[in-house]
Amino acid sequence: MCQVDEEYNGQLEHVATPSVSKKCVKCKESTAVLIIRAVDAFCRCCFKEYFIHKFRAMLGKNRIIFPGEKVLLAVSGGPASSSMLSQVKEGLSRDAPKKLRFVPGIIHIDEGGASGQSMEDRRRAVAQVESVLRSSNYPYHIVYLEQALNLPSSVLEVGSSATEKLQTGPSYKAAVDQFIQTNQNLHPDLFLENAWSHLSSLSMQEVQNGLSNPITPENTQALQRLFASVRTLTAKEDLLQTLRQHLILHTARTEGYTKVMMGDSCSRLAIKLLSNISLGRGASLAMDTGFSDSRYGDVVIVRPMRDYSSKEIAYYNRMFDVPSVFIPGLDTKAQDKASIQRLTESFVNKLQTDFPATVSTIYRTSEKLHTACPPQNTNSPTFDKCLMCACSLDTNAEEFSAFKATLISEQLSQRRGPGPGLSLGTAGAPGPPPASFTGQGQCRSSDEGQRQGCGSREPGCCLSAEMPATLDLKSLLCYSCRLTIKDMTAVDILPQYILAEAERKKRRSHMRKEISEFLLEEEDEAKTS
């Protein structure tokens, strides 16, 4: 045991502490300027090559984006999406050894109306983002979140794929060869000049169109009422994500884009994986965190930044002067326990500080996930997908399951009261029909006997083919979207395109039940053919 007055006759041995090598691990010559992981020290040049190669390797390995295809880049102004834009500019530049072959476009969504920002702050933030987008010389679209309230109901429909061929193997190679042969007929310099001038003219045109269509105060107030009707921050962030996806999807379809690039990093996807499990989105984890998401059919979402950690992105943006814009959101300055997404982010970031392999371990786990059921084709009924997030419905569970037990507990604990109009009530508990559907004077039945039962919606009544009196949104939503709608004080305040599509799906479902006896099942069709 050590003593205070203990004497040491010999000199204590000095043990050298291990230190990270100051030489680059790649070139072995230059001095390292940054350390990504414990043993990965890079110099400036090697780190740039490593960063660029990882981006192109991700696109080349998956072979989803075909030559000449229009790709929409979703740029929020943050570090990850700004770095993604920088990589696309690097890959399409004239000095790139292996150029990217797609046609880029940019979309930025101003979400200041949901977070309660003033118009002056929103204009200032949009001006900063617009200066970054204008410097890229790509066509860009500045969309306001208020425009989601006026979207057409067709945005919720699953479109048919533009190319019915497989986008891997020989088909991809054949498309590359055809693209190269087509461009060989033009002089290389002339081809590049025409392409750059075309992109520049498109970008200026989009700036003028964006400035000529300002939003109105009425739209902003309607958006604020929508988010004010949501009780929890968790449901607000989930609703915001849904509206954002619908706006991006609508812009991509109207402008002719078949691919959408998202700037989700490895760190962001690790947080999204755990938070989505907590939110009940386990059935759609493979699409929410994978490289490609084809749930919308004609528009495929890709995530080329999913191999980058937030640390790598921050280093690259700082060393090579990649501009980014900070825009406050719903969770800005919120406490760790304010929402499930915020709590998960705080948990993962703190755990990553003490255990640097946390994010990579969660991320590698997400790569092994696959959907339990195969993706539905475009000929399948659209009411088999969630109304809001377009993922496969996960509520068709077995009778003796935890989900059914939850529904029974909810039915027993809720105190339902009759009421017309929209309702979140469970199936089998409709309210009385509204006055517009009742009364013998509005009956369109030719038989006098059928008129006696008008409004009963029994077979033979003229209203049997009409929409049910209570629009049961729960039957059209997945489990997670049900929780989001459940946190709303009023359902009829949802955007009109969601309510219109819900009405259409209920009508089609009701009509299908009425004519089910006359429909041929798939087995019967196979026998007759």
Foldseek 3Di string as FASTA:
>chain_A
DDDPPDDDPDDDDDDDDDDADQAAPPPRPDGFDDAPDDHHTHHDVVLVVVVLVLLVCLCVVVQPDAAAAEEEEEAAQALLSLVVLVSLLQQCDPPRPHHDGYAYEYEYEQACLQQVDDPVVSVVQVVVVLVLVLVSLAAYAYHYLLCLLVDALCLLAFDAAPDPDDSDDPVRVVRVVVVVVVCVVDDVVVVVVVSSVVRNVNNVVNVVVRVVDDDDPVSSVLSNVQSVLFDAPQLSVVVVVLSVVSVVSVVCVVVVHQEYEYRQELLNLLLVLVLCVVLVNPLCLLQVRPQWHCLRHRHIYGYSRHHDDPVSSVVVCVVVVRGGGDDDDNCVVNDCVRYSSSVSSVVQVVVCVVPVCSSVVSSVVSHPDDRPDDRDHSPDDQLQAALRPSHGAPQPDDCPDPSVVVVVVVVVPDDDDADWDEDQDDPPDHHAADPVQDDLVPWPQPDPVLSVCGRVLDPRTPCVLAADRYLHNVSSHHSSVSVSCVSGPDDVSPRPSSVVSSRVSRSVVSVCVVCVVVDDDPVRVVVVD
